[in-house]
Structure formats: C-alpha cells, structure tokens
PDB file of N, CA and C in Angstrom:
ATOM      1  N   MET A   1     -21.901   8.706 -30.245  1.00  0.00           N
ATOM      2  CA  MET A   1     -21.906   7.352 -29.994  1.00  0.00           C
ATOM      3  C   MET A   1     -22.434   6.724 -29.320  1.00  0.00           C
ATOM      4  N   THR A   2     -23.021   5.374 -29.715  1.00  0.00           N
ATOM      5  CA  THR A   2     -23.791   4.454 -28.900  1.00  0.00           C
ATOM      6  C   THR A   2     -23.475   3.659 -28.024  1.00  0.00           C
ATOM      7  N   GLY A   3     -24.142   3.214 -27.163  1.00  0.00           N
ATOM      8  CA  GLY A   3     -23.601   1.852 -26.609  1.00  0.00           C
ATOM      9  C   GLY A   3     -23.979   1.733 -24.974  1.00  0.00           C
ATOM     10  N   GLN A   4     -23.152   0.841 -24.462  1.00  0.00           N
ATOM     11  CA  GLN A   4     -23.317   0.624 -22.839  1.00  0.00           C
ATOM     12  C   GLN A   4     -22.442   1.642 -22.358  1.00  0.00           C
ATOM     13  N   GLN A   5     -22.913   2.203 -21.511  1.00  0.00           N
ATOM     14  CA  GLN A   5     -22.522   3.517 -20.385  1.00  0.00           C
ATOM     15  C   GLN A   5     -21.507   2.524 -19.669  1.00  0.00           C
ATOM     16  N   ASP A   6     -20.156   3.145 -19.581  1.00  0.00           N
ATOM     17  CA  ASP A   6     -19.317   2.056 -18.211  1.00  0.00           C
ATOM     18  C   ASP A   6     -19.243   3.271 -17.182  1.00  0.00           C
ATOM     19  N   ALA A   7     -19.789   2.391 -16.084  1.00  0.00           N
ATOM     20  CA  ALA A   7     -20.391   3.085 -14.762  1.00  0.00           C
ATOM     21  C   ALA A   7     -18.933   3.627 -14.184  1.00  0.00           C
ATOM     22  N   GLU A   8     -17.833   3.335 -14.438  1.00  0.00           N
ATOM     23  CA  GLU A   8     -16.783   3.935 -13.972  1.00  0.00           C
ATOM     24  C   GLU A   8     -16.174   5.087 -14.793  1.00  0.00           C
ATOM     25  N   ALA A   9     -15.747   4.724 -15.591  1.00  0.00           N
ATOM     26  CA  ALA A   9     -15.335   5.872 -16.384  1.00  0.00           C
ATOM     27  C   ALA A   9     -16.204   6.882 -17.015  1.00  0.00           C
ATOM     28  N   GLY A  10     -17.504   6.802 -17.348  1.00  0.00           N
ATOM     29  CA  GLY A  10     -18.634   7.253 -17.953  1.00  0.00           C
ATOM     30  C   GLY A  10     -18.462   7.466 -19.205  1.00  0.00           C
ATOM     31  N   SER A  11     -17.499   6.493 -19.865  1.00  0.00           N
ATOM     32  CA  SER A  11     -17.617   6.560 -21.327  1.00  0.00           C
ATOM     33  C   SER A  11     -18.439   5.781 -21.975  1.00  0.00           C
ATOM     34  N   THR A  12     -18.442   5.880 -23.658  1.00  0.00           N
ATOM     35  CA  THR A  12     -19.297   4.606 -23.970  1.00  0.00           C
ATOM     36  C   THR A  12     -18.259   3.473 -24.799  1.00  0.00           C
ATOM     37  N   VAL A  13     -19.401   2.507 -24.978  1.00  0.00           N
ATOM     38  CA  VAL A  13     -18.836   1.610 -25.756  1.00  0.00           C
ATOM     39  C   VAL A  13     -19.358   1.411 -27.096  1.00  0.00           C
ATOM     40  N   ALA A  14     -18.901   1.545 -28.250  1.00  0.00           N
ATOM     41  CA  ALA A  14     -19.684   1.396 -29.492  1.00  0.00           C
ATOM     42  C   ALA A  14     -19.923   0.093 -29.821  1.00  0.00           C
ATOM     43  N   LEU A  15     -20.776  -0.345 -30.448  1.00  0.00           N
ATOM     44  CA  LEU A  15     -20.993  -1.864 -31.169  1.00  0.00           C
ATOM     45  C   LEU A  15     -20.735  -1.794 -32.329  1.00  0.00           C
ATOM     46  N   VAL A  16     -20.181  -2.871 -33.012  1.00  0.00           N
ATOM     47  CA  VAL A  16     -20.433  -2.660 -34.782  1.00  0.00           C
ATOM     48  C   VAL A  16     -20.460  -4.041 -34.974  1.00  0.00           C
ATOM     49  N   CYS A  17     -21.397  -4.098 -36.018  1.00  0.00           N
ATOM     50  CA  CYS A  17     -21.719  -5.627 -36.687  1.00  0.00           C
ATOM     51  C   CYS A  17     -20.438  -6.313 -37.106  1.00  0.00           C
ATOM     52  N   ALA A  18     -20.506  -7.984 -36.905  1.00  0.00           N
ATOM     53  CA  ALA A  18     -19.325  -8.346 -37.039  1.00  0.00           C
ATOM     54  C   ALA A  18     -19.548  -9.281 -38.049  1.00  0.00           C
ATOM     55  N   GLY A  19     -20.516  -8.572 -38.970  1.00  0.00           N
ATOM     56  CA  GLY A  19     -20.853  -9.139 -40.436  1.00  0.00           C
ATOM     57  C   GLY A  19     -20.492  -8.253 -41.607  1.00  0.00           C
ATOM     58  N   CYS A  20     -20.891  -6.558 -41.268  1.00  0.00           N
ATOM     59  CA  CYS A  20     -20.501  -5.662 -42.105  1.00  0.00           C
ATOM     60  C   CYS A  20     -20.105  -4.434 -41.622  1.00  0.00           C
ATOM     61  N   ASP A  21     -19.860  -4.835 -40.323  1.00  0.00           N
ATOM     62  CA  ASP A  21     -18.994  -3.192 -39.485  1.00  0.00           C
ATOM     63  C   ASP A  21     -19.636  -1.769 -39.738  1.00  0.00           C
ATOM     64  N   ARG A  22     -21.467  -2.563 -39.147  1.00  0.00           N
ATOM     65  CA  ARG A  22     -22.724  -0.748 -39.497  1.00  0.00           C
ATOM     66  C   ARG A  22     -22.442  -0.906 -37.633  1.00  0.00           C
ATOM     67  N   SER A  23     -22.539   0.246 -37.193  1.00  0.00           N
ATOM     68  CA  SER A  23     -22.320   0.663 -36.041  1.00  0.00           C
ATOM     69  C   SER A  23     -23.937   0.455 -35.267  1.00  0.00           C
ATOM     70  N   LEU A  24     -24.251  -0.228 -34.100  1.00  0.00           N
ATOM     71  CA  LEU A  24     -25.093  -0.326 -33.720  1.00  0.00           C
ATOM     72  C   LEU A  24     -25.581   0.108 -32.178  1.00  0.00           C
ATOM     73  N   GLU A  25     -26.994  -0.149 -32.089  1.00  0.00           N
ATOM     74  CA  GLU A  25     -26.582   0.325 -30.546  1.00  0.00           C
ATOM     75  C   GLU A  25     -27.177  -0.732 -29.790  1.00  0.00           C
ATOM     76  N   ASP A  26     -27.587  -1.860 -30.293  1.00  0.00           N
ATOM     77  CA  ASP A  26     -27.615  -3.070 -29.601  1.00  0.00           C
ATOM     78  C   ASP A  26     -27.721  -4.207 -30.919  1.00  0.00           C
ATOM     79  N   CYS A  27     -27.476  -5.766 -30.269  1.00  0.00           N
ATOM     80  CA  CYS A  27     -27.477  -6.729 -31.331  1.00  0.00           C
ATOM     81  C   CYS A  27     -28.755  -7.059 -30.998  1.00  0.00           C
ATOM     82  N   ALA A  28     -29.009  -7.532 -32.692  1.00  0.00           N
ATOM     83  CA  ALA A  28     -30.225  -7.670 -33.165  1.00  0.00           C
ATOM     84  C   ALA A  28     -30.515  -8.841 -32.485  1.00  0.00           C
ATOM     85  N   PHE A  29     -29.620  -9.924 -32.254  1.00  0.00           N
ATOM     86  CA  PHE A  29     -29.734 -11.399 -31.859  1.00  0.00           C
ATOM     87  C   PHE A  29     -30.235 -11.126 -30.649  1.00  0.00           C
ATOM     88  N   CYS A  30     -29.457 -11.221 -29.446  1.00  0.00           N
ATOM     89  CA  CYS A  30     -29.929 -10.844 -28.256  1.00  0.00           C
ATOM     90  C   CYS A  30     -30.754  -9.814 -27.685  1.00  0.00           C
ATOM     91  N   ASP A  31     -30.115  -8.713 -28.468  1.00  0.00           N
ATOM     92  CA  ASP A  31     -31.281  -7.121 -27.752  1.00  0.00           C
ATOM     93  C   ASP A  31     -29.891  -6.718 -26.423  1.00  0.00           C
ATOM     94  N   GLU A  32     -28.808  -7.365 -26.623  1.00  0.00           N
ATOM     95  CA  GLU A  32     -27.994  -6.729 -25.594  1.00  0.00           C
ATOM     96  C   GLU A  32     -26.979  -5.739 -26.122  1.00  0.00           C
ATOM     97  N   VAL A  33     -26.711  -4.750 -25.678  1.00  0.00           N
ATOM     98  CA  VAL A  33     -26.026  -3.683 -25.773  1.00  0.00           C
ATOM     99  C   VAL A  33     -24.709  -3.486 -25.127  1.00  0.00           C
ATOM    100  N   ASP A  34     -24.069  -4.782 -24.670  1.00  0.00           N
ATOM    101  CA  ASP A  34     -22.758  -4.993 -24.539  1.00  0.00           C
ATOM    102  C   ASP A  34     -22.485  -6.628 -24.984  1.00  0.00           C
ATOM    103  N   CYS A  35     -23.130  -6.773 -26.263  1.00  0.00           N
ATOM    104  CA  CYS A  35     -22.481  -7.995 -26.853  1.00  0.00           C
ATOM    105  C   CYS A  35     -21.225  -8.199 -27.192  1.00  0.00           C
ATOM    106  N   GLY A  36     -20.437  -9.722 -27.151  1.00  0.00           N
ATOM    107  CA  GLY A  36     -19.126 -10.007 -27.448  1.00  0.00           C
ATOM    108  C   GLY A  36     -18.812  -9.733 -28.982  1.00  0.00           C
ATOM    109  N   CYS A  37     -20.170 -10.045 -29.705  1.00  0.00           N
ATOM    110  CA  CYS A  37     -20.281 -10.519 -30.966  1.00  0.00           C
ATOM    111  C   CYS A  37     -21.280 -10.087 -31.938  1.00  0.00           C
ATOM    112  N   ALA A  38     -21.552  -8.991 -31.433  1.00  0.00           N
ATOM    113  CA  ALA A  38     -22.793  -7.701 -32.083  1.00  0.00           C
ATOM    114  C   ALA A  38     -23.163  -8.400 -33.226  1.00  0.00           C
ATOM    115  N   VAL A  39     -24.489  -8.316 -33.958  1.00  0.00           N
ATOM    116  CA  VAL A  39     -24.721  -8.688 -35.403  1.00  0.00           C
ATOM    117  C   VAL A  39     -25.976  -7.649 -35.828  1.00  0.00           C
ATOM    118  N   CYS A  40     -26.045  -6.874 -36.603  1.00  0.00           N
ATOM    119  CA  CYS A  40     -26.867  -6.110 -37.035  1.00  0.00           C
ATOM    120  C   CYS A  40     -28.304  -7.294 -37.484  1.00  0.00           C
ATOM    121  N   TYR A  41     -29.767  -6.382 -38.005  1.00  0.00           N
ATOM    122  CA  TYR A  41     -30.562  -7.158 -38.240  1.00  0.00           C
ATOM    123  C   TYR A  41     -30.236  -7.472 -39.763  1.00  0.00           C
ATOM    124  N   ARG A  42     -29.832  -7.068 -40.501  1.00  0.00           N
ATOM    125  CA  ARG A  42     -29.540  -7.812 -41.811  1.00  0.00           C
ATOM    126  C   ARG A  42     -28.651  -8.688 -41.939  1.00  0.00           C
ATOM    127  N   CYS A  43     -27.854  -8.861 -41.262  1.00  0.00           N
ATOM    128  CA  CYS A  43     -26.762  -9.900 -40.985  1.00  0.00           C
ATOM    129  C   CYS A  43     -27.516 -11.020 -40.499  1.00  0.00           C
ATOM    130  N   CYS A  44     -28.470 -10.746 -39.590  1.00  0.00           N
ATOM    131  CA  CYS A  44     -28.886 -12.123 -38.572  1.00  0.00           C
ATOM    132  C   CYS A  44     -29.790 -12.895 -39.352  1.00  0.00           C
ATOM    133  N   ARG A  45     -31.124 -12.123 -40.250  1.00  0.00           N
ATOM    134  CA  ARG A  45     -31.702 -12.372 -41.019  1.00  0.00           C
ATOM    135  C   ARG A  45     -30.692 -13.557 -41.926  1.00  0.00           C
ATOM    136  N   ALA A  46     -29.892 -13.044 -42.683  1.00  0.00           N
ATOM    137  CA  ALA A  46     -28.773 -13.648 -43.531  1.00  0.00           C
ATOM    138  C   ALA A  46     -28.159 -15.137 -43.042  1.00  0.00           C
ATOM    139  N   ALA A  47     -27.873 -14.731 -41.932  1.00  0.00           N
ATOM    140  CA  ALA A  47     -27.296 -16.197 -40.955  1.00  0.00           C
ATOM    141  C   ALA A  47     -28.134 -16.882 -40.608  1.00  0.00           C
ATOM    142  N   ILE A  48     -29.466 -16.635 -40.164  1.00  0.00           N
ATOM    143  CA  ILE A  48     -30.703 -17.854 -40.228  1.00  0.00           C
ATOM    144  C   ILE A  48     -31.244 -18.458 -41.330  1.00  0.00           C
ATOM    145  N   GLY A  49     -31.028 -17.598 -42.350  1.00  0.00           N
ATOM    146  CA  GLY A  49     -31.542 -18.126 -43.360  1.00  0.00           C
ATOM    147  C   GLY A  49     -32.811 -17.475 -44.153  1.00  0.00           C
ATOM    148  N   GLU A  50     -32.885 -16.347 -43.472  1.00  0.00           N
ATOM    149  CA  GLU A  50     -34.334 -15.597 -43.633  1.00  0.00           C
ATOM    150  C   GLU A  50     -34.522 -14.693 -44.813  1.00  0.00           C
ATOM    151  N   SER A  51     -33.437 -14.839 -44.857  1.00  0.00           N
ATOM    152  CA  SER A  51     -33.347 -13.452 -46.419  1.00  0.00           C
ATOM    153  C   SER A  51     -31.738 -14.416 -47.201  1.00  0.00           C
ATOM    154  N   MET A  52     -31.917 -14.818 -48.285  1.00  0.00           N
ATOM    155  CA  MET A  52     -31.015 -15.046 -49.247  1.00  0.00           C
ATOM    156  C   MET A  52     -31.697 -15.457 -50.580  1.00  0.00           C
ATOM    157  N   ASP A  53     -30.233 -15.014 -51.313  1.00  0.00           N
ATOM    158  CA  ASP A  53     -30.578 -15.008 -52.765  1.00  0.00           C
ATOM    159  C   ASP A  53     -31.508 -16.235 -53.402  1.00  0.00           C
ATOM    160  N   PRO A  54     -31.890 -15.683 -54.468  1.00  0.00           N
ATOM    161  CA  PRO A  54     -33.211 -16.491 -55.319  1.00  0.00           C
ATOM    162  C   PRO A  54     -32.090 -18.176 -55.736  1.00  0.00           C
ATOM    163  N   VAL A  55     -32.529 -19.142 -55.756  1.00  0.00           N
ATOM    164  CA  VAL A  55     -31.540 -20.409 -55.728  1.00  0.00           C
ATOM    165  C   VAL A  55     -31.310 -20.194 -57.375  1.00  0.00           C
ATOM    166  N   HIS A  56     -32.019 -19.895 -58.244  1.00  0.00           N
ATOM    167  CA  HIS A  56     -31.953 -19.637 -59.670  1.00  0.00           C
ATOM    168  C   HIS A  56     -31.922 -18.251 -60.283  1.00  0.00           C
ATOM    169  N   ALA A  57     -31.217 -17.894 -61.327  1.00  0.00           N
ATOM    170  CA  ALA A  57     -31.349 -16.258 -61.934  1.00  0.00           C
ATOM    171  C   ALA A  57     -32.568 -16.158 -62.183  1.00  0.00           C
ATOM    172  N   HIS A  58     -33.609 -17.271 -62.808  1.00  0.00           N
ATOM    173  CA  HIS A  58     -34.823 -16.615 -63.380  1.00  0.00           C
ATOM    174  C   HIS A  58     -35.731 -16.782 -62.221  1.00  0.00           C
ATOM    175  N   GLY A  59     -35.273 -16.848 -61.398  1.00  0.00           N
ATOM    176  CA  GLY A  59     -36.320 -17.015 -59.894  1.00  0.00           C
ATOM    177  C   GLY A  59     -37.400 -18.331 -59.817  1.00  0.00           C
ATOM    178  N   GLY A  60     -37.174 -19.394 -60.304  1.00  0.00           N
ATOM    179  CA  GLY A  60     -37.795 -20.413 -60.381  1.00  0.00           C
ATOM    180  C   GLY A  60     -37.402 -21.797 -59.464  1.00  0.00           C
TER     181      GLY A  60
END
C-alpha cells in the first residue's frame, strides 16, 4: 500500500480517489499524501473542465 507513513503506528494510509475509487500515492490537485478528499489526475481534469465530452455527436 502507498500513502502517508503514520509516525506513531508505522502503518500506511492508502489514498483513494473520491471520484473513481482508484488507489493513489498522492492527490493530483494538491499533491498532498494525506489529502482528506484526494482526486486522481483524470477526475481532476474532468472537474475543472479540461477534459470534457464533445458537445455534439458529430464533433462540431
């Protein structure tokens, strides 16, 4: 498992994308390993509108 090392227990905390449940090493939005609402790169791009479906089926 990847994630933040817990200093006291020595265990790892795995991050999971809030949008698609993909396991992550760190949040793609804030680059934190202990983000409370981690998101993967694909979901981050979709959320800010950089990766959207075409408006029309014919692409125009």
